[in-house]
Amino acid sequence: MELALTSRTDGDFEIIEVGGEIDVYTAPRLREGIVAAVDAGHTRLIIDVRKVDFLDSTGLGVLVGALKRVRADGGSLDIVCTQERILKIFQITGLDKVFGLHASLEEAQSVAK
């Protein structure tokens, strides 16, 4: 399956919407999208994974790397996720305590302010 990736600016936030599967084959494309956003000066990121069907350890690594990068610049990275199977991956790995996980873009923007 392919990875769908769109990016847009909304106020102080760069919102990256992701759909499809984030795995060893597609994770580099997600990394490129995040790096492009940060290189453009966006350090307050919201990654919307509500349309992601599958997430593996490579994808998690990309998200953790992105979090480290934006935090080094004083930024933040929050994740919008509503699918139980994806949320469970964050819980099992303990990353639910590292990332801000939110049910909607509005919630992510209001909490991250």
C-alpha atoms as a PDB file:
ATOM      1  CA  MET A   1       0.000   0.000   0.000  1.00  0.00           C
ATOM      2  CA  GLU A   2       1.085   3.548  -0.643  1.00  0.00           C
ATOM      3  CA  LEU A   3       1.623   6.347   1.808  1.00  0.00           C
ATOM      4  CA  ALA A   4      -0.488   9.473   1.358  1.00  0.00           C
ATOM      5  CA  LEU A   5       1.134  12.586   2.784  1.00  0.00           C
ATOM      6  CA  THR A   6      -0.178  16.146   2.811  1.00  0.00           C
ATOM      7  CA  SER A   7       1.074  19.139   4.713  1.00  0.00           C
ATOM      8  CA  ARG A   8      -0.468  22.484   5.543  1.00  0.00           C
ATOM      9  CA  THR A   9       0.094  25.378   7.900  1.00  0.00           C
ATOM     10  CA  ASP A  10      -2.637  26.328  10.372  1.00  0.00           C
ATOM     11  CA  GLY A  11      -1.639  29.232  12.605  1.00  0.00           C
ATOM     12  CA  ASP A  12       1.468  28.274  14.551  1.00  0.00           C
ATOM     13  CA  PHE A  13       1.232  24.617  13.550  1.00  0.00           C
ATOM     14  CA  GLU A  14       2.375  22.585  10.581  1.00  0.00           C
ATOM     15  CA  ILE A  15      -0.130  19.771  10.162  1.00  0.00           C
ATOM     16  CA  ILE A  16       1.055  16.658   8.358  1.00  0.00           C
ATOM     17  CA  GLU A  17      -1.770  14.307   7.438  1.00  0.00           C
ATOM     18  CA  VAL A  18      -0.734  10.737   6.796  1.00  0.00           C
ATOM     19  CA  GLY A  19      -2.745   7.895   5.285  1.00  0.00           C
ATOM     20  CA  GLY A  20      -2.026   4.319   4.327  1.00  0.00           C
ATOM     21  CA  GLU A  21       0.781   2.277   5.832  1.00  0.00           C
ATOM     22  CA  ILE A  22       3.896   3.521   7.613  1.00  0.00           C
ATOM     23  CA  ASP A  23       6.425   0.719   7.323  1.00  0.00           C
ATOM     24  CA  VAL A  24      10.030   0.073   6.328  1.00  0.00           C
ATOM     25  CA  TYR A  25       9.213   0.984   2.709  1.00  0.00           C
ATOM     26  CA  THR A  26       7.176   4.152   3.273  1.00  0.00           C
ATOM     27  CA  ALA A  27       8.753   5.573   6.452  1.00  0.00           C
ATOM     28  CA  PRO A  28      11.542   7.360   4.520  1.00  0.00           C
ATOM     29  CA  ARG A  29       8.896   9.380   2.694  1.00  0.00           C
ATOM     30  CA  LEU A  30       7.331  10.403   6.022  1.00  0.00           C
ATOM     31  CA  ARG A  31      10.794  11.347   7.320  1.00  0.00           C
ATOM     32  CA  GLU A  32      11.376  13.492   4.216  1.00  0.00           C
ATOM     33  CA  GLY A  33       8.059  15.292   4.753  1.00  0.00           C
ATOM     34  CA  ILE A  34       8.864  16.020   8.380  1.00  0.00           C
ATOM     35  CA  VAL A  35      12.413  17.149   7.586  1.00  0.00           C
ATOM     36  CA  ALA A  36      11.088  19.464   4.868  1.00  0.00           C
ATOM     37  CA  ALA A  37       8.642  21.028   7.351  1.00  0.00           C
ATOM     38  CA  VAL A  38      11.337  21.545   9.990  1.00  0.00           C
ATOM     39  CA  ASP A  39      13.814  22.876   7.417  1.00  0.00           C
ATOM     40  CA  ALA A  40      11.139  25.391   6.392  1.00  0.00           C
ATOM     41  CA  GLY A  41      11.100  26.674   9.967  1.00  0.00           C
ATOM     42  CA  HIS A  42       8.119  24.768  11.346  1.00  0.00           C
ATOM     43  CA  THR A  43       8.896  23.372  14.794  1.00  0.00           C
ATOM     44  CA  ARG A  44       5.343  22.956  16.101  1.00  0.00           C
ATOM     45  CA  LEU A  45       4.148  19.845  14.304  1.00  0.00           C
ATOM     46  CA  ILE A  46       0.924  17.909  14.454  1.00  0.00           C
ATOM     47  CA  ILE A  47       1.032  14.515  12.752  1.00  0.00           C
ATOM     48  CA  ASP A  48      -2.480  13.289  11.902  1.00  0.00           C
ATOM     49  CA  VAL A  49      -2.455   9.487  11.612  1.00  0.00           C
ATOM     50  CA  ARG A  50      -6.220   8.912  11.704  1.00  0.00           C
ATOM     51  CA  LYS A  51      -6.066   7.457   8.174  1.00  0.00           C
ATOM     52  CA  VAL A  52      -3.064   5.210   8.857  1.00  0.00           C
ATOM     53  CA  ASP A  53      -3.892   1.507   8.574  1.00  0.00           C
ATOM     54  CA  PHE A  54      -0.541   0.120   9.718  1.00  0.00           C
ATOM     55  CA  LEU A  55       2.415   1.415  11.718  1.00  0.00           C
ATOM     56  CA  ASP A  56       5.598  -0.572  12.351  1.00  0.00           C
ATOM     57  CA  SER A  57       8.765   0.063  14.350  1.00  0.00           C
ATOM     58  CA  THR A  58      10.381   1.933  11.467  1.00  0.00           C
ATOM     59  CA  GLY A  59       7.505   4.392  11.466  1.00  0.00           C
ATOM     60  CA  LEU A  60       7.744   4.779  15.227  1.00  0.00           C
ATOM     61  CA  GLY A  61      11.456   5.487  14.823  1.00  0.00           C
ATOM     62  CA  VAL A  62      10.707   8.267  12.354  1.00  0.00           C
ATOM     63  CA  LEU A  63       8.241   9.844  14.797  1.00  0.00           C
ATOM     64  CA  VAL A  64      10.678   9.597  17.725  1.00  0.00           C
ATOM     65  CA  GLY A  65      13.457  11.109  15.596  1.00  0.00           C
ATOM     66  CA  ALA A  66      11.164  13.947  14.561  1.00  0.00           C
ATOM     67  CA  LEU A  67      10.222  14.608  18.184  1.00  0.00           C
ATOM     68  CA  LYS A  68      13.889  14.839  19.181  1.00  0.00           C
ATOM     69  CA  ARG A  69      14.594  17.195  16.314  1.00  0.00           C
ATOM     70  CA  VAL A  70      11.765  19.655  17.036  1.00  0.00           C
ATOM     71  CA  ARG A  71      12.400  19.590  20.793  1.00  0.00           C
ATOM     72  CA  ALA A  72      16.044  20.502  20.150  1.00  0.00           C
ATOM     73  CA  ASP A  73      14.695  23.637  18.440  1.00  0.00           C
ATOM     74  CA  GLY A  74      12.223  24.374  21.265  1.00  0.00           C
ATOM     75  CA  GLY A  75       9.289  22.928  19.330  1.00  0.00           C
ATOM     76  CA  SER A  76       6.685  20.260  19.843  1.00  0.00           C
ATOM     77  CA  LEU A  77       5.206  17.264  18.072  1.00  0.00           C
ATOM     78  CA  ASP A  78       1.704  16.030  18.813  1.00  0.00           C
ATOM     79  CA  ILE A  79      -0.148  13.138  17.216  1.00  0.00           C
ATOM     80  CA  VAL A  80      -3.813  12.882  16.285  1.00  0.00           C
ATOM     81  CA  CYS A  81      -4.906   9.250  16.442  1.00  0.00           C
ATOM     82  CA  THR A  82      -8.307   7.631  16.922  1.00  0.00           C
ATOM     83  CA  GLN A  83      -7.720   4.047  15.780  1.00  0.00           C
ATOM     84  CA  GLU A  84      -7.460   1.602  18.658  1.00  0.00           C
ATOM     85  CA  ARG A  85      -4.906  -0.655  16.970  1.00  0.00           C
ATOM     86  CA  ILE A  86      -2.548   2.278  16.355  1.00  0.00           C
ATOM     87  CA  LEU A  87      -3.105   3.685  19.852  1.00  0.00           C
ATOM     88  CA  LYS A  88      -2.296   0.255  21.260  1.00  0.00           C
ATOM     89  CA  ILE A  89       1.130   0.364  19.566  1.00  0.00           C
ATOM     90  CA  PHE A  90       1.877   3.644  21.345  1.00  0.00           C
ATOM     91  CA  GLN A  91       0.698   2.158  24.652  1.00  0.00           C
ATOM     92  CA  ILE A  92       2.643  -1.100  24.332  1.00  0.00           C
ATOM     93  CA  THR A  93       5.861   0.765  23.522  1.00  0.00           C
ATOM     94  CA  GLY A  94       5.337   3.376  26.244  1.00  0.00           C
ATOM     95  CA  LEU A  95       5.361   6.122  23.639  1.00  0.00           C
ATOM     96  CA  ASP A  96       1.910   7.242  24.786  1.00  0.00           C
ATOM     97  CA  LYS A  97       3.786   8.920  27.648  1.00  0.00           C
ATOM     98  CA  VAL A  98       6.265  10.593  25.281  1.00  0.00           C
ATOM     99  CA  PHE A  99       3.914  11.958  22.616  1.00  0.00           C
ATOM    100  CA  GLY A 100       0.839  14.061  23.116  1.00  0.00           C
ATOM    101  CA  LEU A 101      -1.907  11.834  21.676  1.00  0.00           C
ATOM    102  CA  HIS A 102      -5.158  13.536  20.747  1.00  0.00           C
ATOM    103  CA  ALA A 103      -8.534  12.575  19.283  1.00  0.00           C
ATOM    104  CA  SER A 104      -8.835  15.640  16.994  1.00  0.00           C
ATOM    105  CA  LEU A 105      -6.818  18.417  15.397  1.00  0.00           C
ATOM    106  CA  GLU A 106      -8.674  20.967  17.496  1.00  0.00           C
ATOM    107  CA  GLU A 107      -7.723  19.163  20.707  1.00  0.00           C
ATOM    108  CA  ALA A 108      -4.084  18.909  19.636  1.00  0.00           C
ATOM    109  CA  GLN A 109      -3.932  22.610  18.794  1.00  0.00           C
ATOM    110  CA  SER A 110      -5.588  23.728  22.027  1.00  0.00           C
ATOM    111  CA  VAL A 111      -3.427  21.510  24.274  1.00  0.00           C
ATOM    112  CA  ALA A 112      -0.172  22.319  22.448  1.00  0.00           C
ATOM    113  CA  LYS A 113      -0.604  26.113  22.758  1.00  0.00           C
END
